[in-house]
Amino acid sequence: MAVSAATPAAAAATVRRPQQRPPAVPLQRRQQLAAAGPLLRQRSGQQRLLPPARAAALEKLAPAGSVDIESLDYVDGCFSVQGCLVTAASPDTVYQVLTDYDSLPRVFHNVESSMLRQCPESRQKQLVQTCKWAFLVFSGTFVNELNVVEDAASRQLTFSLVESAFMKEFVGSWDVQPAAEGLTKVRHRLSVRPMVAPPQKIGDLSKKIFKKQVVGILEDLAQELERQQ
């Protein structure tokens, strides 16, 4: 996010996450720090006392509740999903991670390569990504070209499809906003129409796979933000 950074484009395909890496537990370290009484955080070899209100807010961020899928639909061949991540990272830090396009392959498991360029005619920013996908016994990679619109003041990113061999339509966005007690809410929205849309019954079953991939994208982001704390 950048593209979704996870990119939103990568979520459009069903992605097989590498087996050699342990399952992501993005907020486990923060949970271990959130204990009763004064809360200490270890950073660069030094400990600092967190304000009680912020400590209490961090205690509520259980791993199971840190990532939430707020909506998920499949209508007329189009998958739509909205997920939310609550993190202790600052909004500026989150936005910087999402707009560091060269680093997306390191952050998101389903992004193999990522390159930002400028359209010679429109001067529009465009993101070219090679993404991994896997479905049943099939797997491979596909290339997406996306127009990118950055709104740094609002910490919002939007993406729209230029060209893809895998998708007919794609619209995605990241919205990073401050929340109570110094936390940050990150909302990721995707609307994807595959080149070959499955029938409604198969699409309804495929929603669970699509949901799993979006959760994986948000968990990848959460893990990267934890590394930067």
C-alpha atoms as a PDB file:
ATOM      1  CA  MET A   1       0.000   0.000   0.000  1.00  0.00           C
ATOM      2  CA  ALA A   2       1.691   0.523  -0.262  1.00  0.00           C
ATOM      3  CA  VAL A   3      -0.541  -1.028  -2.250  1.00  0.00           C
ATOM      4  CA  SER A   4      -2.211  -2.287  -0.466  1.00  0.00           C
ATOM      5  CA  ALA A   5       0.735  -2.811  -0.226  1.00  0.00           C
ATOM      6  CA  ALA A   6      -0.063  -5.731   0.453  1.00  0.00           C
ATOM      7  CA  THR A   7      -0.853  -4.590  -1.648  1.00  0.00           C
ATOM      8  CA  PRO A   8      -4.388  -4.341  -2.480  1.00  0.00           C
ATOM      9  CA  ALA A   9      -3.720  -5.838  -5.867  1.00  0.00           C
ATOM     10  CA  ALA A  10      -2.139  -8.867  -4.350  1.00  0.00           C
ATOM     11  CA  ALA A  11      -5.226  -9.535  -2.269  1.00  0.00           C
ATOM     12  CA  ALA A  12      -7.290  -9.841  -5.414  1.00  0.00           C
ATOM     13  CA  ALA A  13      -5.670 -13.222  -6.024  1.00  0.00           C
ATOM     14  CA  THR A  14      -5.701 -16.122  -3.624  1.00  0.00           C
ATOM     15  CA  VAL A  15      -2.186 -16.180  -2.233  1.00  0.00           C
ATOM     16  CA  ARG A  16      -0.179 -19.043  -0.795  1.00  0.00           C
ATOM     17  CA  ARG A  17       1.889 -17.706   2.069  1.00  0.00           C
ATOM     18  CA  PRO A  18       5.429 -19.155   2.325  1.00  0.00           C
ATOM     19  CA  GLN A  19       5.621 -22.226   4.560  1.00  0.00           C
ATOM     20  CA  GLN A  20       9.108 -21.571   5.861  1.00  0.00           C
ATOM     21  CA  ARG A  21       7.979 -18.578   7.921  1.00  0.00           C
ATOM     22  CA  PRO A  22       6.148 -19.204  11.222  1.00  0.00           C
ATOM     23  CA  PRO A  23       2.481 -18.162  11.363  1.00  0.00           C
ATOM     24  CA  ALA A  24       2.146 -14.436  11.922  1.00  0.00           C
ATOM     25  CA  VAL A  25       1.211 -13.351  15.428  1.00  0.00           C
ATOM     26  CA  PRO A  26       1.422  -9.622  14.797  1.00  0.00           C
ATOM     27  CA  LEU A  27       0.608  -8.263  18.223  1.00  0.00           C
ATOM     28  CA  GLN A  28       1.988 -10.940  20.509  1.00  0.00           C
ATOM     29  CA  ARG A  29       4.953  -8.910  21.735  1.00  0.00           C
ATOM     30  CA  ARG A  30       2.724  -5.997  22.657  1.00  0.00           C
ATOM     31  CA  GLN A  31       0.423  -8.341  24.560  1.00  0.00           C
ATOM     32  CA  GLN A  32       3.359  -9.622  26.557  1.00  0.00           C
ATOM     33  CA  LEU A  33       4.203  -6.042  27.512  1.00  0.00           C
ATOM     34  CA  ALA A  34       0.634  -5.236  28.535  1.00  0.00           C
ATOM     35  CA  ALA A  35       0.544  -6.372  32.148  1.00  0.00           C
ATOM     36  CA  ALA A  36      -1.276  -5.183  35.251  1.00  0.00           C
ATOM     37  CA  GLY A  37       0.145  -2.127  36.945  1.00  0.00           C
ATOM     38  CA  PRO A  38       2.853   0.114  35.435  1.00  0.00           C
ATOM     39  CA  LEU A  39       3.715  -0.894  31.873  1.00  0.00           C
ATOM     40  CA  LEU A  40       7.290  -0.862  30.687  1.00  0.00           C
ATOM     41  CA  ARG A  41       8.310  -1.004  27.026  1.00  0.00           C
ATOM     42  CA  GLN A  42      11.720  -2.149  25.908  1.00  0.00           C
ATOM     43  CA  ARG A  43      13.207  -0.089  23.099  1.00  0.00           C
ATOM     44  CA  SER A  44      16.834   0.218  22.004  1.00  0.00           C
ATOM     45  CA  GLY A  45      18.006  -1.292  25.282  1.00  0.00           C
ATOM     46  CA  GLN A  46      16.080   1.233  27.396  1.00  0.00           C
ATOM     47  CA  GLN A  47      12.801   0.960  29.271  1.00  0.00           C
ATOM     48  CA  ARG A  48      10.196   3.670  29.481  1.00  0.00           C
ATOM     49  CA  LEU A  49       6.979   3.914  31.490  1.00  0.00           C
ATOM     50  CA  LEU A  50       3.826   4.226  29.414  1.00  0.00           C
ATOM     51  CA  PRO A  51       0.964   6.446  30.587  1.00  0.00           C
ATOM     52  CA  PRO A  52      -1.741   4.408  32.404  1.00  0.00           C
ATOM     53  CA  ALA A  53      -4.438   5.237  29.819  1.00  0.00           C
ATOM     54  CA  ARG A  54      -2.252   4.097  26.938  1.00  0.00           C
ATOM     55  CA  ALA A  55      -1.181   0.982  28.848  1.00  0.00           C
ATOM     56  CA  ALA A  56      -4.837   0.096  29.399  1.00  0.00           C
ATOM     57  CA  ALA A  57      -5.594   0.625  25.722  1.00  0.00           C
ATOM     58  CA  LEU A  58      -2.749  -1.705  24.735  1.00  0.00           C
ATOM     59  CA  GLU A  59      -4.036  -4.364  27.124  1.00  0.00           C
ATOM     60  CA  LYS A  60      -7.298  -4.441  25.165  1.00  0.00           C
ATOM     61  CA  LEU A  61      -5.480  -5.198  21.902  1.00  0.00           C
ATOM     62  CA  ALA A  62      -5.698  -8.969  22.126  1.00  0.00           C
ATOM     63  CA  PRO A  63      -4.214 -10.717  19.079  1.00  0.00           C
ATOM     64  CA  ALA A  64      -7.612 -12.106  18.068  1.00  0.00           C
ATOM     65  CA  GLY A  65      -9.140  -8.638  18.099  1.00  0.00           C
ATOM     66  CA  SER A  66      -6.380  -6.623  16.426  1.00  0.00           C
ATOM     67  CA  VAL A  67      -7.487  -7.497  12.879  1.00  0.00           C
ATOM     68  CA  ASP A  68     -11.160  -7.461  11.963  1.00  0.00           C
ATOM     69  CA  ILE A  69     -13.028  -8.005   8.686  1.00  0.00           C
ATOM     70  CA  GLU A  70     -15.854  -5.489   8.845  1.00  0.00           C
ATOM     71  CA  SER A  71     -17.619  -6.426   5.594  1.00  0.00           C
ATOM     72  CA  LEU A  72     -17.334  -9.106   2.897  1.00  0.00           C
ATOM     73  CA  ASP A  73     -19.540  -9.517  -0.200  1.00  0.00           C
ATOM     74  CA  TYR A  74     -19.660 -11.229  -3.567  1.00  0.00           C
ATOM     75  CA  VAL A  75     -22.208  -9.652  -5.912  1.00  0.00           C
ATOM     76  CA  ASP A  76     -22.430  -9.896  -9.719  1.00  0.00           C
ATOM     77  CA  GLY A  77     -18.937 -11.339 -10.037  1.00  0.00           C
ATOM     78  CA  CYS A  78     -17.287  -8.721  -7.803  1.00  0.00           C
ATOM     79  CA  PHE A  79     -15.612  -9.362  -4.445  1.00  0.00           C
ATOM     80  CA  SER A  80     -15.738  -6.483  -1.939  1.00  0.00           C
ATOM     81  CA  VAL A  81     -14.076  -6.463   1.460  1.00  0.00           C
ATOM     82  CA  GLN A  82     -13.198  -4.021   4.222  1.00  0.00           C
ATOM     83  CA  GLY A  83     -10.737  -4.917   6.955  1.00  0.00           C
ATOM     84  CA  CYS A  84      -9.504  -2.959   9.971  1.00  0.00           C
ATOM     85  CA  LEU A  85      -6.258  -3.121  11.930  1.00  0.00           C
ATOM     86  CA  VAL A  86      -5.783  -1.407  15.305  1.00  0.00           C
ATOM     87  CA  THR A  87      -2.118  -0.759  16.065  1.00  0.00           C
ATOM     88  CA  ALA A  88       0.034   1.072  18.594  1.00  0.00           C
ATOM     89  CA  ALA A  89       2.158   2.517  15.764  1.00  0.00           C
ATOM     90  CA  SER A  90       1.647   6.201  14.957  1.00  0.00           C
ATOM     91  CA  PRO A  91      -0.425   7.189  11.880  1.00  0.00           C
ATOM     92  CA  ASP A  92       2.678   8.715  10.295  1.00  0.00           C
ATOM     93  CA  THR A  93       4.629   5.476  10.728  1.00  0.00           C
ATOM     94  CA  VAL A  94       1.823   3.433   9.158  1.00  0.00           C
ATOM     95  CA  TYR A  95       1.539   5.802   6.200  1.00  0.00           C
ATOM     96  CA  GLN A  96       5.296   5.749   5.652  1.00  0.00           C
ATOM     97  CA  VAL A  97       5.301   1.947   5.531  1.00  0.00           C
ATOM     98  CA  LEU A  98       2.434   1.875   3.032  1.00  0.00           C
ATOM     99  CA  THR A  99       4.098   4.407   0.730  1.00  0.00           C
ATOM    100  CA  ASP A 100       7.539   2.793   0.812  1.00  0.00           C
ATOM    101  CA  TYR A 101       6.759   0.984  -2.436  1.00  0.00           C
ATOM    102  CA  ASP A 102      10.213  -0.505  -2.934  1.00  0.00           C
ATOM    103  CA  SER A 103       9.933  -2.297   0.423  1.00  0.00           C
ATOM    104  CA  LEU A 104       6.536  -3.888  -0.216  1.00  0.00           C
ATOM    105  CA  PRO A 105       7.993  -7.281  -1.225  1.00  0.00           C
ATOM    106  CA  ARG A 106       9.715  -7.441   2.168  1.00  0.00           C
ATOM    107  CA  VAL A 107       6.575  -6.470   4.087  1.00  0.00           C
ATOM    108  CA  PHE A 108       3.920  -8.458   2.214  1.00  0.00           C
ATOM    109  CA  HIS A 109       4.343 -12.143   1.435  1.00  0.00           C
ATOM    110  CA  ASN A 110       2.166 -12.038  -1.679  1.00  0.00           C
ATOM    111  CA  VAL A 111       4.190  -9.292  -3.394  1.00  0.00           C
ATOM    112  CA  GLU A 112       7.151 -10.611  -5.375  1.00  0.00           C
ATOM    113  CA  SER A 113       8.282  -7.288  -6.872  1.00  0.00           C
ATOM    114  CA  SER A 114       7.128  -3.670  -6.734  1.00  0.00           C
ATOM    115  CA  MET A 115       8.143  -0.603  -8.738  1.00  0.00           C
ATOM    116  CA  LEU A 116       6.765   2.942  -8.814  1.00  0.00           C
ATOM    117  CA  ARG A 117       6.840   4.862 -12.079  1.00  0.00           C
ATOM    118  CA  GLN A 118       5.229   7.936 -13.635  1.00  0.00           C
ATOM    119  CA  CYS A 119       2.978   7.813 -16.678  1.00  0.00           C
ATOM    120  CA  PRO A 120       4.649   9.967 -19.387  1.00  0.00           C
ATOM    121  CA  GLU A 121       1.326  11.324 -20.666  1.00  0.00           C
ATOM    122  CA  SER A 122      -0.729  11.929 -17.518  1.00  0.00           C
ATOM    123  CA  ARG A 123       2.186  12.245 -15.031  1.00  0.00           C
ATOM    124  CA  GLN A 124       0.090   9.926 -12.863  1.00  0.00           C
ATOM    125  CA  LYS A 125       1.946   7.748 -10.350  1.00  0.00           C
ATOM    126  CA  GLN A 126       1.675   4.094 -11.290  1.00  0.00           C
ATOM    127  CA  LEU A 127       2.631   1.015  -9.310  1.00  0.00           C
ATOM    128  CA  VAL A 128       3.733  -2.101 -11.178  1.00  0.00           C
ATOM    129  CA  GLN A 129       3.678  -5.234  -9.048  1.00  0.00           C
ATOM    130  CA  THR A 130       4.249  -8.925  -9.554  1.00  0.00           C
ATOM    131  CA  CYS A 131       2.001 -10.808  -7.145  1.00  0.00           C
ATOM    132  CA  LYS A 132       1.805 -14.454  -6.127  1.00  0.00           C
ATOM    133  CA  TRP A 133      -1.386 -16.452  -6.243  1.00  0.00           C
ATOM    134  CA  ALA A 134      -2.494 -20.006  -5.459  1.00  0.00           C
ATOM    135  CA  PHE A 135      -5.867 -21.695  -5.755  1.00  0.00           C
ATOM    136  CA  LEU A 136      -6.469 -25.400  -5.204  1.00  0.00           C
ATOM    137  CA  VAL A 137      -3.668 -27.185  -7.133  1.00  0.00           C
ATOM    138  CA  PHE A 138      -2.802 -24.150  -9.271  1.00  0.00           C
ATOM    139  CA  SER A 139      -0.297 -21.410  -8.482  1.00  0.00           C
ATOM    140  CA  GLY A 140       1.780 -18.758 -10.213  1.00  0.00           C
ATOM    141  CA  THR A 141       2.374 -15.025 -10.503  1.00  0.00           C
ATOM    142  CA  PHE A 142       0.593 -12.164 -12.249  1.00  0.00           C
ATOM    143  CA  VAL A 143       1.479  -8.540 -12.989  1.00  0.00           C
ATOM    144  CA  ASN A 144      -0.716  -5.596 -11.977  1.00  0.00           C
ATOM    145  CA  GLU A 145      -0.423  -1.997 -13.106  1.00  0.00           C
ATOM    146  CA  LEU A 146      -2.212   0.423 -10.785  1.00  0.00           C
ATOM    147  CA  ASN A 147      -2.788   4.167 -10.733  1.00  0.00           C
ATOM    148  CA  VAL A 148      -1.844   5.554  -7.323  1.00  0.00           C
ATOM    149  CA  VAL A 149      -3.327   8.624  -5.634  1.00  0.00           C
ATOM    150  CA  GLU A 150      -1.683   9.752  -2.390  1.00  0.00           C
ATOM    151  CA  ASP A 151      -3.304  12.130   0.088  1.00  0.00           C
ATOM    152  CA  ALA A 152      -0.597  12.632   2.699  1.00  0.00           C
ATOM    153  CA  ALA A 153      -2.619  15.216   4.648  1.00  0.00           C
ATOM    154  CA  SER A 154      -5.446  12.723   5.216  1.00  0.00           C
ATOM    155  CA  ARG A 155      -3.109   9.712   5.191  1.00  0.00           C
ATOM    156  CA  GLN A 156      -5.164   8.018   2.494  1.00  0.00           C
ATOM    157  CA  LEU A 157      -4.088   5.967  -0.514  1.00  0.00           C
ATOM    158  CA  THR A 158      -6.297   4.897  -3.414  1.00  0.00           C
ATOM    159  CA  PHE A 159      -5.472   2.511  -6.243  1.00  0.00           C
ATOM    160  CA  SER A 160      -7.236   1.752  -9.507  1.00  0.00           C
ATOM    161  CA  LEU A 161      -6.453  -0.765 -12.197  1.00  0.00           C
ATOM    162  CA  VAL A 162      -4.532   0.229 -15.314  1.00  0.00           C
ATOM    163  CA  GLU A 163      -3.867  -3.249 -16.658  1.00  0.00           C
ATOM    164  CA  SER A 164      -3.867  -6.825 -15.379  1.00  0.00           C
ATOM    165  CA  ALA A 165      -4.065 -10.281 -16.905  1.00  0.00           C
ATOM    166  CA  PHE A 166      -5.826 -11.530 -13.796  1.00  0.00           C
ATOM    167  CA  MET A 167      -8.437  -8.855 -12.986  1.00  0.00           C
ATOM    168  CA  LYS A 168     -11.035  -6.985 -14.984  1.00  0.00           C
ATOM    169  CA  GLU A 169     -11.722  -4.336 -12.334  1.00  0.00           C
ATOM    170  CA  PHE A 170      -9.909  -3.305  -9.181  1.00  0.00           C
ATOM    171  CA  VAL A 171     -10.321  -0.443  -6.726  1.00  0.00           C
ATOM    172  CA  GLY A 172      -8.477  -0.376  -3.420  1.00  0.00           C
ATOM    173  CA  SER A 173      -7.686   2.043  -0.621  1.00  0.00           C
ATOM    174  CA  TRP A 174      -5.886   2.469   2.691  1.00  0.00           C
ATOM    175  CA  ASP A 175      -7.204   4.899   5.292  1.00  0.00           C
ATOM    176  CA  VAL A 176      -4.987   5.637   8.318  1.00  0.00           C
ATOM    177  CA  GLN A 177      -6.573   7.553  11.193  1.00  0.00           C
ATOM    178  CA  PRO A 178      -5.634   8.278  14.823  1.00  0.00           C
ATOM    179  CA  ALA A 179      -7.779   6.563  17.438  1.00  0.00           C
ATOM    180  CA  ALA A 180      -8.280   6.941  21.184  1.00  0.00           C
ATOM    181  CA  GLU A 181      -5.418   6.586  23.657  1.00  0.00           C
ATOM    182  CA  GLY A 182      -2.720   7.055  21.039  1.00  0.00           C
ATOM    183  CA  LEU A 183      -3.694   4.046  18.946  1.00  0.00           C
ATOM    184  CA  THR A 184      -4.180   4.022  15.168  1.00  0.00           C
ATOM    185  CA  LYS A 185      -6.942   2.511  13.018  1.00  0.00           C
ATOM    186  CA  VAL A 186      -5.986   1.310   9.561  1.00  0.00           C
ATOM    187  CA  ARG A 187      -8.818   0.432   7.167  1.00  0.00           C
ATOM    188  CA  HIS A 188      -8.142  -1.475   3.970  1.00  0.00           C
ATOM    189  CA  ARG A 189     -10.885  -1.600   1.307  1.00  0.00           C
ATOM    190  CA  LEU A 190     -10.883  -3.702  -1.856  1.00  0.00           C
ATOM    191  CA  SER A 191     -13.303  -4.195  -4.714  1.00  0.00           C
ATOM    192  CA  VAL A 192     -12.120  -6.821  -7.220  1.00  0.00           C
ATOM    193  CA  ARG A 193     -13.708  -8.344 -10.330  1.00  0.00           C
ATOM    194  CA  PRO A 194     -11.656 -11.279 -11.676  1.00  0.00           C
ATOM    195  CA  MET A 195     -11.171 -11.685 -15.411  1.00  0.00           C
ATOM    196  CA  VAL A 196     -13.238 -14.872 -15.165  1.00  0.00           C
ATOM    197  CA  ALA A 197     -15.877 -14.393 -12.487  1.00  0.00           C
ATOM    198  CA  PRO A 198     -17.032 -17.605 -10.779  1.00  0.00           C
ATOM    199  CA  PRO A 199     -20.757 -18.429 -10.539  1.00  0.00           C
ATOM    200  CA  GLN A 200     -22.557 -16.992  -7.524  1.00  0.00           C
ATOM    201  CA  LYS A 201     -22.488 -20.245  -5.511  1.00  0.00           C
ATOM    202  CA  ILE A 202     -18.759 -20.744  -6.065  1.00  0.00           C
ATOM    203  CA  GLY A 203     -18.136 -17.045  -5.400  1.00  0.00           C
ATOM    204  CA  ASP A 204     -19.940 -17.306  -2.078  1.00  0.00           C
ATOM    205  CA  LEU A 205     -17.679 -20.195  -1.097  1.00  0.00           C
ATOM    206  CA  SER A 206     -14.583 -18.351  -2.359  1.00  0.00           C
ATOM    207  CA  LYS A 207     -15.291 -15.388  -0.063  1.00  0.00           C
ATOM    208  CA  LYS A 208     -13.696 -17.280   2.818  1.00  0.00           C
ATOM    209  CA  ILE A 209     -10.481 -17.682   0.842  1.00  0.00           C
ATOM    210  CA  PHE A 210     -10.542 -14.012  -0.138  1.00  0.00           C
ATOM    211  CA  LYS A 211     -11.138 -13.025   3.497  1.00  0.00           C
ATOM    212  CA  LYS A 212      -8.169 -15.124   4.608  1.00  0.00           C
ATOM    213  CA  GLN A 213      -5.863 -13.343   2.194  1.00  0.00           C
ATOM    214  CA  VAL A 214      -6.985  -9.877   3.341  1.00  0.00           C
ATOM    215  CA  VAL A 215      -6.438 -10.906   6.964  1.00  0.00           C
ATOM    216  CA  GLY A 216      -2.961 -12.045   5.926  1.00  0.00           C
ATOM    217  CA  ILE A 217      -2.216  -8.646   4.372  1.00  0.00           C
ATOM    218  CA  LEU A 218      -3.261  -6.827   7.556  1.00  0.00           C
ATOM    219  CA  GLU A 219      -1.240  -9.246   9.694  1.00  0.00           C
ATOM    220  CA  ASP A 220       1.815  -8.671   7.499  1.00  0.00           C
ATOM    221  CA  LEU A 221       1.414  -4.930   8.034  1.00  0.00           C
ATOM    222  CA  ALA A 222       0.955  -5.397  11.798  1.00  0.00           C
ATOM    223  CA  GLN A 223       4.125  -7.457  11.979  1.00  0.00           C
ATOM    224  CA  GLU A 224       6.137  -4.809  10.133  1.00  0.00           C
ATOM    225  CA  LEU A 225       4.797  -2.078  12.417  1.00  0.00           C
ATOM    226  CA  GLU A 226       5.784  -4.133  15.461  1.00  0.00           C
ATOM    227  CA  ARG A 227       9.320  -4.444  14.122  1.00  0.00           C
ATOM    228  CA  GLN A 228       9.486  -0.662  13.940  1.00  0.00           C
ATOM    229  CA  GLN A 229       8.262  -0.068  17.503  1.00  0.00           C
END
